[in-house]
Amino acid sequence: LDDDNPTWQQALFSLLGNSSSSLPVVFIGGKLVGSMDNVMAAHINGTL
């Protein structure tokens, strides 16, 4: 999203809700996993 309209990030953050407002935003199997903290938590607890 380097050179694109900043509204892309705003739209992504609206999907995240209040849980986070930072990139990356990760989808697995078409489902929102979330940002880095959610991905790392899933990796650590064995669900990733």
All heavy atoms as atom14 arrays in JSON, in Angstrom:
{
  "sequence": "LDDDNPTWQQALFSLLGNSSSSLPVVFIGGKLVGSMDNVMAAHINGTL",
  "atom14_mask": [
    [1, 1, 1, 1, 1, 1, 1, 1, 0, 0, 0, 0, 0, 0],
    [1, 1, 1, 1, 1, 1, 1, 1, 0, 0, 0, 0, 0, 0],
    [1, 1, 1, 1, 1, 1, 1, 1, 0, 0, 0, 0, 0, 0],
    [1, 1, 1, 1, 1, 1, 1, 1, 0, 0, 0, 0, 0, 0],
    [1, 1, 1, 1, 1, 1, 1, 1, 0, 0, 0, 0, 0, 0],
    [1, 1, 1, 1, 1, 1, 1, 0, 0, 0, 0, 0, 0, 0],
    [1, 1, 1, 1, 1, 1, 1, 0, 0, 0, 0, 0, 0, 0],
    [1, 1, 1, 1, 1, 1, 1, 1, 1, 1, 1, 1, 1, 1],
    [1, 1, 1, 1, 1, 1, 1, 1, 1, 0, 0, 0, 0, 0],
    [1, 1, 1, 1, 1, 1, 1, 1, 1, 0, 0, 0, 0, 0],
    [1, 1, 1, 1, 1, 0, 0, 0, 0, 0, 0, 0, 0, 0],
    [1, 1, 1, 1, 1, 1, 1, 1, 0, 0, 0, 0, 0, 0],
    [1, 1, 1, 1, 1, 1, 1, 1, 1, 1, 1, 0, 0, 0],
    [1, 1, 1, 1, 1, 1, 0, 0, 0, 0, 0, 0, 0, 0],
    [1, 1, 1, 1, 1, 1, 1, 1, 0, 0, 0, 0, 0, 0],
    [1, 1, 1, 1, 1, 1, 1, 1, 0, 0, 0, 0, 0, 0],
    [1, 1, 1, 1, 0, 0, 0, 0, 0, 0, 0, 0, 0, 0],
    [1, 1, 1, 1, 1, 1, 1, 1, 0, 0, 0, 0, 0, 0],
    [1, 1, 1, 1, 1, 1, 0, 0, 0, 0, 0, 0, 0, 0],
    [1, 1, 1, 1, 1, 1, 0, 0, 0, 0, 0, 0, 0, 0],
    [1, 1, 1, 1, 1, 1, 0, 0, 0, 0, 0, 0, 0, 0],
    [1, 1, 1, 1, 1, 1, 0, 0, 0, 0, 0, 0, 0, 0],
    [1, 1, 1, 1, 1, 1, 1, 1, 0, 0, 0, 0, 0, 0],
    [1, 1, 1, 1, 1, 1, 1, 0, 0, 0, 0, 0, 0, 0],
    [1, 1, 1, 1, 1, 1, 1, 0, 0, 0, 0, 0, 0, 0],
    [1, 1, 1, 1, 1, 1, 1, 0, 0, 0, 0, 0, 0, 0],
    [1, 1, 1, 1, 1, 1, 1, 1, 1, 1, 1, 0, 0, 0],
    [1, 1, 1, 1, 1, 1, 1, 1, 0, 0, 0, 0, 0, 0],
    [1, 1, 1, 1, 0, 0, 0, 0, 0, 0, 0, 0, 0, 0],
    [1, 1, 1, 1, 0, 0, 0, 0, 0, 0, 0, 0, 0, 0],
    [1, 1, 1, 1, 1, 1, 1, 1, 1, 0, 0, 0, 0, 0],
    [1, 1, 1, 1, 1, 1, 1, 1, 0, 0, 0, 0, 0, 0],
    [1, 1, 1, 1, 1, 1, 1, 0, 0, 0, 0, 0, 0, 0],
    [1, 1, 1, 1, 0, 0, 0, 0, 0, 0, 0, 0, 0, 0],
    [1, 1, 1, 1, 1, 1, 0, 0, 0, 0, 0, 0, 0, 0],
    [1, 1, 1, 1, 1, 1, 1, 1, 0, 0, 0, 0, 0, 0],
    [1, 1, 1, 1, 1, 1, 1, 1, 0, 0, 0, 0, 0, 0],
    [1, 1, 1, 1, 1, 1, 1, 1, 0, 0, 0, 0, 0, 0],
    [1, 1, 1, 1, 1, 1, 1, 0, 0, 0, 0, 0, 0, 0],
    [1, 1, 1, 1, 1, 1, 1, 1, 0, 0, 0, 0, 0, 0],
    [1, 1, 1, 1, 1, 0, 0, 0, 0, 0, 0, 0, 0, 0],
    [1, 1, 1, 1, 1, 0, 0, 0, 0, 0, 0, 0, 0, 0],
    [1, 1, 1, 1, 1, 1, 1, 1, 1, 1, 0, 0, 0, 0],
    [1, 1, 1, 1, 1, 1, 1, 1, 0, 0, 0, 0, 0, 0],
    [1, 1, 1, 1, 1, 1, 1, 1, 0, 0, 0, 0, 0, 0],
    [1, 1, 1, 1, 0, 0, 0, 0, 0, 0, 0, 0, 0, 0],
    [1, 1, 1, 1, 1, 1, 1, 0, 0, 0, 0, 0, 0, 0],
    [1, 1, 1, 1, 1, 1, 1, 1, 0, 0, 0, 0, 0, 0]
  ],
  "atom14_positions": [
    [[0.81, -1.21, 0.0], [0.0, 0.0, 0.0], [0.85, 1.27, 0.0], [0.39, 2.32, 0.4], [-0.92, 0.0, 1.23], [-1.81, -1.23, 1.38], [-2.58, -1.16, 2.68], [-2.74, -1.37, 0.2], [0.0, 0.0, 0.0], [0.0, 0.0, 0.0], [0.0, 0.0, 0.0], [0.0, 0.0, 0.0], [0.0, 0.0, 0.0], [0.0, 0.0, 0.0]],
    [[2.1, 1.17, -0.45], [3.04, 2.28, -0.36], [2.56, 3.55, -1.05], [2.6, 4.63, -0.47], [4.4, 1.89, -0.96], [5.07, 0.79, -0.17], [4.8, 0.69, 1.04], [5.86, 0.05, -0.76], [0.0, 0.0, 0.0], [0.0, 0.0, 0.0], [0.0, 0.0, 0.0], [0.0, 0.0, 0.0], [0.0, 0.0, 0.0], [0.0, 0.0, 0.0]],
    [[2.16, 3.45, -2.3], [1.85, 4.64, -3.09], [0.36, 4.85, -3.32], [-0.02, 5.67, -4.14], [2.57, 4.56, -4.45], [4.06, 4.52, -4.28], [4.57, 5.18, -3.36], [4.71, 3.81, -5.06], [0.0, 0.0, 0.0], [0.0, 0.0, 0.0], [0.0, 0.0, 0.0], [0.0, 0.0, 0.0], [0.0, 0.0, 0.0], [0.0, 0.0, 0.0]],
    [[-0.43, 4.11, -2.62], [-1.86, 4.18, -2.88], [-2.55, 5.17, -1.95], [-1.99, 5.64, -0.97], [-2.48, 2.79, -2.73], [-1.98, 1.87, -3.8], [-2.16, 2.16, -4.99], [-1.36, 0.88, -3.43], [0.0, 0.0, 0.0], [0.0, 0.0, 0.0], [0.0, 0.0, 0.0], [0.0, 0.0, 0.0], [0.0, 0.0, 0.0], [0.0, 0.0, 0.0]],
    [[-3.77, 5.43, -2.26], [-4.59, 6.34, -1.49], [-4.65, 5.88, -0.03], [-4.89, 4.71, 0.25], [-5.99, 6.33, -2.12], [-6.84, 7.44, -1.61], [-6.87, 7.71, -0.42], [-7.55, 8.08, -2.53], [0.0, 0.0, 0.0], [0.0, 0.0, 0.0], [0.0, 0.0, 0.0], [0.0, 0.0, 0.0], [0.0, 0.0, 0.0], [0.0, 0.0, 0.0]],
    [[-4.44, 6.78, 0.93], [-4.46, 6.4, 2.35], [-5.8, 5.86, 2.81], [-5.89, 5.27, 3.89], [-4.1, 7.68, 3.08], [-4.24, 8.78, 2.11], [-4.13, 8.2, 0.73], [0.0, 0.0, 0.0], [0.0, 0.0, 0.0], [0.0, 0.0, 0.0], [0.0, 0.0, 0.0], [0.0, 0.0, 0.0], [0.0, 0.0, 0.0], [0.0, 0.0, 0.0]],
    [[-6.84, 6.02, 2.02], [-8.13, 5.47, 2.43], [-8.11, 3.94, 2.44], [-8.96, 3.33, 3.09], [-9.26, 5.97, 1.52], [-8.97, 5.62, 0.18], [-9.43, 7.47, 1.65], [0.0, 0.0, 0.0], [0.0, 0.0, 0.0], [0.0, 0.0, 0.0], [0.0, 0.0, 0.0], [0.0, 0.0, 0.0], [0.0, 0.0, 0.0], [0.0, 0.0, 0.0]],
    [[-7.16, 3.33, 1.75], [-7.04, 1.86, 1.81], [-6.74, 1.43, 3.24], [-7.33, 0.5, 3.75], [-5.95, 1.35, 0.86], [-6.48, 1.2, -0.51], [-6.36, 2.08, -1.55], [-7.29, 0.13, -0.99], [-7.03, 1.61, -2.64], [-7.6, 0.42, -2.33], [-7.76, -1.04, -0.43], [-8.39, -0.42, -3.1], [-8.54, -1.88, -1.19], [-8.84, -1.57, -2.52]],
    [[-5.78, 2.11, 3.87], [-5.45, 1.76, 5.24], [-6.64, 2.01, 6.15], [-6.94, 1.21, 7.03], [-4.22, 2.52, 5.71], [-2.95, 2.03, 5.06], [-1.71, 2.69, 5.62], [-1.69, 3.14, 6.75], [-0.67, 2.72, 4.82], [0.0, 0.0, 0.0], [0.0, 0.0, 0.0], [0.0, 0.0, 0.0], [0.0, 0.0, 0.0], [0.0, 0.0, 0.0]],
    [[-7.35, 3.09, 5.94], [-8.53, 3.39, 6.76], [-9.59, 2.3, 6.6], [-10.22, 1.9, 7.58], [-9.1, 4.75, 6.39], [-8.18, 5.9, 6.77], [-8.65, 7.23, 6.2], [-9.62, 7.3, 5.46], [-7.94, 8.29, 6.53], [0.0, 0.0, 0.0], [0.0, 0.0, 0.0], [0.0, 0.0, 0.0], [0.0, 0.0, 0.0], [0.0, 0.0, 0.0]],
    [[-9.79, 1.83, 5.38], [-10.76, 0.76, 5.15], [-10.31, -0.53, 5.84], [-11.13, -1.23, 6.45], [-10.95, 0.53, 3.66], [0.0, 0.0, 0.0], [0.0, 0.0, 0.0], [0.0, 0.0, 0.0], [0.0, 0.0, 0.0], [0.0, 0.0, 0.0], [0.0, 0.0, 0.0], [0.0, 0.0, 0.0], [0.0, 0.0, 0.0], [0.0, 0.0, 0.0]],
    [[-9.02, -0.84, 5.77], [-8.51, -2.03, 6.44], [-8.67, -1.91, 7.95], [-9.07, -2.86, 8.63], [-7.04, -2.25, 6.09], [-6.78, -2.77, 4.68], [-5.32, -2.61, 4.31], [-7.22, -4.21, 4.56], [0.0, 0.0, 0.0], [0.0, 0.0, 0.0], [0.0, 0.0, 0.0], [0.0, 0.0, 0.0], [0.0, 0.0, 0.0], [0.0, 0.0, 0.0]],
    [[-8.36, -0.74, 8.48], [-8.47, -0.55, 9.92], [-9.92, -0.62, 10.39], [-10.19, -1.05, 11.51], [-7.83, 0.77, 10.34], [-6.35, 0.84, 10.05], [-5.72, 2.06, 9.89], [-5.58, -0.31, 9.91], [-4.37, 2.14, 9.61], [-4.23, -0.25, 9.62], [-3.62, 0.97, 9.48], [0.0, 0.0, 0.0], [0.0, 0.0, 0.0], [0.0, 0.0, 0.0]],
    [[-10.85, -0.24, 9.53], [-12.26, -0.36, 9.91], [-12.65, -1.83, 10.04], [-13.49, -2.18, 10.86], [-13.16, 0.36, 8.92], [-13.26, -0.34, 7.7], [0.0, 0.0, 0.0], [0.0, 0.0, 0.0], [0.0, 0.0, 0.0], [0.0, 0.0, 0.0], [0.0, 0.0, 0.0], [0.0, 0.0, 0.0], [0.0, 0.0, 0.0], [0.0, 0.0, 0.0]],
    [[-12.03, -2.7, 9.24], [-12.26, -4.14, 9.38], [-11.73, -4.67, 10.7], [-12.31, -5.56, 11.31], [-11.58, -4.91, 8.24], [-12.28, -4.94, 6.91], [-11.38, -5.57, 5.85], [-13.58, -5.72, 7.01], [0.0, 0.0, 0.0], [0.0, 0.0, 0.0], [0.0, 0.0, 0.0], [0.0, 0.0, 0.0], [0.0, 0.0, 0.0], [0.0, 0.0, 0.0]],
    [[-10.59, -4.11, 11.14], [-9.98, -4.55, 12.39], [-10.76, -4.07, 13.61], [-10.62, -4.64, 14.68], [-8.53, -4.05, 12.49], [-7.55, -4.65, 11.5], [-6.21, -3.92, 11.6], [-7.37, -6.13, 11.73], [0.0, 0.0, 0.0], [0.0, 0.0, 0.0], [0.0, 0.0, 0.0], [0.0, 0.0, 0.0], [0.0, 0.0, 0.0], [0.0, 0.0, 0.0]],
    [[-11.54, -3.03, 13.44], [-12.28, -2.47, 14.57], [-11.33, -1.79, 15.54], [-10.33, -1.21, 15.14], [0.0, 0.0, 0.0], [0.0, 0.0, 0.0], [0.0, 0.0, 0.0], [0.0, 0.0, 0.0], [0.0, 0.0, 0.0], [0.0, 0.0, 0.0], [0.0, 0.0, 0.0], [0.0, 0.0, 0.0], [0.0, 0.0, 0.0], [0.0, 0.0, 0.0]],
    [[-11.6, -1.91, 16.79], [-10.77, -1.28, 17.81], [-9.57, -2.12, 18.2], [-8.76, -1.7, 19.02], [-11.6, -0.99, 19.07], [-12.64, 0.07, 18.81], [-12.45, 0.94, 17.97], [-13.74, 0.0, 19.54], [0.0, 0.0, 0.0], [0.0, 0.0, 0.0], [0.0, 0.0, 0.0], [0.0, 0.0, 0.0], [0.0, 0.0, 0.0], [0.0, 0.0, 0.0]],
    [[-9.44, -3.31, 17.62], [-8.37, -4.21, 18.05], [-6.99, -3.72, 17.63], [-6.01, -4.0, 18.3], [-8.61, -5.61, 17.5], [-8.53, -5.61, 16.09], [0.0, 0.0, 0.0], [0.0, 0.0, 0.0], [0.0, 0.0, 0.0], [0.0, 0.0, 0.0], [0.0, 0.0, 0.0], [0.0, 0.0, 0.0], [0.0, 0.0, 0.0], [0.0, 0.0, 0.0]],
    [[-6.89, -3.01, 16.53], [-5.58, -2.57, 16.06], [-5.75, -1.52, 14.98], [-6.78, -1.43, 14.34], [-4.8, -3.75, 15.5], [-3.55, -3.32, 15.03], [0.0, 0.0, 0.0], [0.0, 0.0, 0.0], [0.0, 0.0, 0.0], [0.0, 0.0, 0.0], [0.0, 0.0, 0.0], [0.0, 0.0, 0.0], [0.0, 0.0, 0.0], [0.0, 0.0, 0.0]],
    [[-4.73, -0.74, 14.81], [-4.75, 0.22, 13.7], [-3.36, 0.27, 13.07], [-2.79, 1.33, 12.89], [-5.18, 1.61, 14.18], [-4.27, 2.09, 15.14], [0.0, 0.0, 0.0], [0.0, 0.0, 0.0], [0.0, 0.0, 0.0], [0.0, 0.0, 0.0], [0.0, 0.0, 0.0], [0.0, 0.0, 0.0], [0.0, 0.0, 0.0], [0.0, 0.0, 0.0]],
    [[-2.83, -0.9, 12.8], [-1.51, -0.94, 12.19], [-1.44, -2.06, 11.17], [-2.2, -3.02, 11.22], [-0.43, -1.14, 13.26], [-0.61, -2.38, 13.9], [0.0, 0.0, 0.0], [0.0, 0.0, 0.0], [0.0, 0.0, 0.0], [0.0, 0.0, 0.0], [0.0, 0.0, 0.0], [0.0, 0.0, 0.0], [0.0, 0.0, 0.0], [0.0, 0.0, 0.0]],
    [[-0.54, -1.91, 10.25], [-0.27, -2.95, 9.27], [0.78, -3.88, 9.84], [1.53, -3.48, 10.72], [0.24, -2.31, 7.97], [-0.79, -1.44, 7.25], [-0.14, -0.71, 6.09], [-1.95, -2.27, 6.75], [0.0, 0.0, 0.0], [0.0, 0.0, 0.0], [0.0, 0.0, 0.0], [0.0, 0.0, 0.0], [0.0, 0.0, 0.0], [0.0, 0.0, 0.0]],
    [[0.83, -5.1, 9.38], [0.09, -5.73, 8.29], [-1.31, -6.14, 8.72], [-1.6, -6.29, 9.9], [0.93, -6.97, 8.0], [1.48, -7.36, 9.33], [1.77, -6.05, 10.01], [0.0, 0.0, 0.0], [0.0, 0.0, 0.0], [0.0, 0.0, 0.0], [0.0, 0.0, 0.0], [0.0, 0.0, 0.0], [0.0, 0.0, 0.0], [0.0, 0.0, 0.0]],
    [[-2.14, -6.35, 7.71], [-3.46, -6.94, 7.92], [-3.45, -8.24, 7.14], [-3.17, -8.26, 5.94], [-4.59, -6.01, 7.44], [-5.94, -6.69, 7.6], [-4.55, -4.7, 8.23], [0.0, 0.0, 0.0], [0.0, 0.0, 0.0], [0.0, 0.0, 0.0], [0.0, 0.0, 0.0], [0.0, 0.0, 0.0], [0.0, 0.0, 0.0], [0.0, 0.0, 0.0]],
    [[-3.71, -9.35, 7.84], [-3.55, -10.69, 7.28], [-4.9, -11.39, 7.18], [-5.69, -11.38, 8.14], [-2.58, -11.53, 8.14], [-2.42, -12.93, 7.57], [-1.23, -10.83, 8.25], [0.0, 0.0, 0.0], [0.0, 0.0, 0.0], [0.0, 0.0, 0.0], [0.0, 0.0, 0.0], [0.0, 0.0, 0.0], [0.0, 0.0, 0.0], [0.0, 0.0, 0.0]],
    [[-5.13, -11.99, 6.01], [-6.3, -12.83, 5.78], [-5.8, -14.23, 5.46], [-4.87, -14.4, 4.67], [-7.11, -12.32, 4.59], [-7.85, -11.05, 4.83], [-7.2, -9.82, 4.73], [-9.2, -11.06, 5.14], [-7.88, -8.63, 4.94], [-9.89, -9.87, 5.35], [-9.24, -8.66, 5.25], [0.0, 0.0, 0.0], [0.0, 0.0, 0.0], [0.0, 0.0, 0.0]],
    [[-6.42, -15.24, 6.06], [-6.1, -16.64, 5.76], [-7.41, -17.34, 5.42], [-8.37, -17.29, 6.19], [-5.4, -17.33, 6.95], [-4.08, -16.64, 7.27], [-5.2, -18.83, 6.66], [-3.36, -17.18, 8.48], [0.0, 0.0, 0.0], [0.0, 0.0, 0.0], [0.0, 0.0, 0.0], [0.0, 0.0, 0.0], [0.0, 0.0, 0.0], [0.0, 0.0, 0.0]],
    [[-7.43, -17.95, 4.25], [-8.65, -18.62, 3.79], [-9.79, -17.64, 3.6], [-10.95, -18.01, 3.78], [0.0, 0.0, 0.0], [0.0, 0.0, 0.0], [0.0, 0.0, 0.0], [0.0, 0.0, 0.0], [0.0, 0.0, 0.0], [0.0, 0.0, 0.0], [0.0, 0.0, 0.0], [0.0, 0.0, 0.0], [0.0, 0.0, 0.0], [0.0, 0.0, 0.0]],
    [[-9.48, -16.41, 3.24], [-10.5, -15.39, 3.02], [-11.05, -14.78, 4.3], [-11.89, -13.9, 4.25], [0.0, 0.0, 0.0], [0.0, 0.0, 0.0], [0.0, 0.0, 0.0], [0.0, 0.0, 0.0], [0.0, 0.0, 0.0], [0.0, 0.0, 0.0], [0.0, 0.0, 0.0], [0.0, 0.0, 0.0], [0.0, 0.0, 0.0], [0.0, 0.0, 0.0]],
    [[-10.56, -15.24, 5.45], [-11.05, -14.74, 6.74], [-10.0, -13.84, 7.37], [-8.81, -14.14, 7.34], [-11.36, -15.9, 7.68], [-12.46, -16.8, 7.17], [-12.67, -17.97, 8.07], [-13.69, -18.93, 7.46], [-13.73, -20.2, 8.16], [0.0, 0.0, 0.0], [0.0, 0.0, 0.0], [0.0, 0.0, 0.0], [0.0, 0.0, 0.0], [0.0, 0.0, 0.0]],
    [[-10.45, -12.76, 7.96], [-9.56, -11.83, 8.63], [-8.95, -12.48, 9.86], [-9.66, -12.95, 10.74], [-10.33, -10.57, 9.03], [-9.56, -9.54, 9.83], [-8.43, -8.93, 9.0], [-10.5, -8.46, 10.34], [0.0, 0.0, 0.0], [0.0, 0.0, 0.0], [0.0, 0.0, 0.0], [0.0, 0.0, 0.0], [0.0, 0.0, 0.0], [0.0, 0.0, 0.0]],
    [[-7.61, -12.52, 9.9], [-6.91, -12.98, 11.1], [-6.58, -11.78, 11.96], [-6.72, -11.81, 13.17], [-5.62, -13.76, 10.72], [-4.82, -14.1, 11.96], [-5.97, -15.0, 9.94], [0.0, 0.0, 0.0], [0.0, 0.0, 0.0], [0.0, 0.0, 0.0], [0.0, 0.0, 0.0], [0.0, 0.0, 0.0], [0.0, 0.0, 0.0], [0.0, 0.0, 0.0]],
    [[-6.15, -10.69, 11.31], [-5.85, -9.47, 12.05], [-4.46, -8.96, 11.73], [-3.9, -9.25, 10.67], [0.0, 0.0, 0.0], [0.0, 0.0, 0.0], [0.0, 0.0, 0.0], [0.0, 0.0, 0.0], [0.0, 0.0, 0.0], [0.0, 0.0, 0.0], [0.0, 0.0, 0.0], [0.0, 0.0, 0.0], [0.0, 0.0, 0.0], [0.0, 0.0, 0.0]],
    [[-3.92, -8.23, 12.67], [-2.59, -7.65, 12.47], [-1.54, -8.56, 13.09], [-1.81, -9.71, 13.43], [-2.55, -6.24, 13.05], [-2.87, -6.27, 14.42], [0.0, 0.0, 0.0], [0.0, 0.0, 0.0], [0.0, 0.0, 0.0], [0.0, 0.0, 0.0], [0.0, 0.0, 0.0], [0.0, 0.0, 0.0], [0.0, 0.0, 0.0], [0.0, 0.0, 0.0]],
    [[-0.34, -8.05, 13.22], [0.79, -8.86, 13.66], [0.53, -9.56, 14.99], [0.88, -10.74, 15.15], [2.05, -8.03, 13.76], [3.22, -8.85, 14.26], [4.75, -8.1, 13.86], [5.87, -9.34, 14.47], [0.0, 0.0, 0.0], [0.0, 0.0, 0.0], [0.0, 0.0, 0.0], [0.0, 0.0, 0.0], [0.0, 0.0, 0.0], [0.0, 0.0, 0.0]],
    [[-0.06, -8.87, 15.95], [-0.26, -9.48, 17.26], [-1.15, -10.72, 17.18], [-0.88, -11.73, 17.84], [-0.8, -8.47, 18.27], [-2.07, -7.77, 17.81], [-2.39, -7.8, 16.61], [-2.73, -7.15, 18.68], [0.0, 0.0, 0.0], [0.0, 0.0, 0.0], [0.0, 0.0, 0.0], [0.0, 0.0, 0.0], [0.0, 0.0, 0.0], [0.0, 0.0, 0.0]],
    [[-2.17, -10.69, 16.34], [-3.05, -11.86, 16.19], [-2.32, -13.01, 15.5], [-2.49, -14.18, 15.88], [-4.29, -11.5, 15.38], [-5.14, -10.46, 16.06], [-4.78, -9.29, 16.06], [-6.24, -10.88, 16.64], [0.0, 0.0, 0.0], [0.0, 0.0, 0.0], [0.0, 0.0, 0.0], [0.0, 0.0, 0.0], [0.0, 0.0, 0.0], [0.0, 0.0, 0.0]],
    [[-1.54, -12.71, 14.48], [-0.8, -13.75, 13.75], [0.24, -14.39, 14.67], [0.36, -15.62, 14.72], [-0.15, -13.19, 12.48], [0.69, -14.25, 11.78], [-1.21, -12.64, 11.53], [0.0, 0.0, 0.0], [0.0, 0.0, 0.0], [0.0, 0.0, 0.0], [0.0, 0.0, 0.0], [0.0, 0.0, 0.0], [0.0, 0.0, 0.0], [0.0, 0.0, 0.0]],
    [[0.97, -13.57, 15.4], [2.0, -14.11, 16.3], [1.37, -14.91, 17.44], [1.9, -15.96, 17.83], [2.87, -12.98, 16.87], [3.75, -12.32, 15.81], [4.8, -13.48, 14.9], [5.86, -14.07, 16.19], [0.0, 0.0, 0.0], [0.0, 0.0, 0.0], [0.0, 0.0, 0.0], [0.0, 0.0, 0.0], [0.0, 0.0, 0.0], [0.0, 0.0, 0.0]],
    [[0.25, -14.46, 17.97], [-0.44, -15.21, 19.02], [-0.88, -16.57, 18.48], [-0.73, -17.6, 19.17], [-1.63, -14.42, 19.54], [0.0, 0.0, 0.0], [0.0, 0.0, 0.0], [0.0, 0.0, 0.0], [0.0, 0.0, 0.0], [0.0, 0.0, 0.0], [0.0, 0.0, 0.0], [0.0, 0.0, 0.0], [0.0, 0.0, 0.0], [0.0, 0.0, 0.0]],
    [[-1.41, -16.6, 17.26], [-1.82, -17.87, 16.65], [-0.62, -18.78, 16.43], [-0.7, -20.0, 16.63], [-2.55, -17.62, 15.34], [0.0, 0.0, 0.0], [0.0, 0.0, 0.0], [0.0, 0.0, 0.0], [0.0, 0.0, 0.0], [0.0, 0.0, 0.0], [0.0, 0.0, 0.0], [0.0, 0.0, 0.0], [0.0, 0.0, 0.0], [0.0, 0.0, 0.0]],
    [[0.5, -18.2, 16.05], [1.73, -18.99, 15.85], [2.2, -19.58, 17.18], [2.5, -20.77, 17.27], [2.81, -18.11, 15.23], [4.1, -18.8, 15.0], [4.22, -19.96, 14.27], [5.36, -18.48, 15.4], [5.49, -20.34, 14.23], [6.18, -19.46, 14.92], [0.0, 0.0, 0.0], [0.0, 0.0, 0.0], [0.0, 0.0, 0.0], [0.0, 0.0, 0.0]],
    [[2.22, -18.77, 18.21], [2.72, -19.22, 19.53], [1.79, -20.26, 20.14], [2.26, -21.25, 20.71], [2.92, -18.01, 20.46], [4.1, -17.17, 19.95], [3.14, -18.44, 21.9], [4.22, -15.8, 20.59], [0.0, 0.0, 0.0], [0.0, 0.0, 0.0], [0.0, 0.0, 0.0], [0.0, 0.0, 0.0], [0.0, 0.0, 0.0], [0.0, 0.0, 0.0]],
    [[0.48, -20.06, 20.03], [-0.43, -21.02, 20.68], [-0.75, -22.24, 19.81], [-1.55, -23.09, 20.21], [-1.7, -20.33, 21.18], [-2.63, -19.89, 20.07], [-2.63, -20.42, 18.97], [-3.47, -18.9, 20.37], [0.0, 0.0, 0.0], [0.0, 0.0, 0.0], [0.0, 0.0, 0.0], [0.0, 0.0, 0.0], [0.0, 0.0, 0.0], [0.0, 0.0, 0.0]],
    [[-0.15, -22.31, 18.62], [-0.28, -23.51, 17.8], [-1.49, -23.55, 16.89], [-1.77, -24.59, 16.29], [0.0, 0.0, 0.0], [0.0, 0.0, 0.0], [0.0, 0.0, 0.0], [0.0, 0.0, 0.0], [0.0, 0.0, 0.0], [0.0, 0.0, 0.0], [0.0, 0.0, 0.0], [0.0, 0.0, 0.0], [0.0, 0.0, 0.0], [0.0, 0.0, 0.0]],
    [[-2.22, -22.46, 16.74], [-3.4, -22.48, 15.88], [-3.13, -21.97, 14.47], [-3.99, -22.12, 13.6], [-4.55, -21.66, 16.5], [-4.11, -20.31, 16.69], [-4.99, -22.25, 17.84], [0.0, 0.0, 0.0], [0.0, 0.0, 0.0], [0.0, 0.0, 0.0], [0.0, 0.0, 0.0], [0.0, 0.0, 0.0], [0.0, 0.0, 0.0], [0.0, 0.0, 0.0]],
    [[-1.95, -21.4, 14.22], [-1.65, -20.85, 12.9], [-1.5, -21.95, 11.85], [-2.08, -21.86, 10.77], [-0.4, -19.98, 12.94], [-0.01, -19.31, 11.62], [-1.13, -18.4, 11.12], [1.28, -18.51, 11.8], [0.0, 0.0, 0.0], [0.0, 0.0, 0.0], [0.0, 0.0, 0.0], [0.0, 0.0, 0.0], [0.0, 0.0, 0.0], [0.0, 0.0, 0.0]]
  ]
}
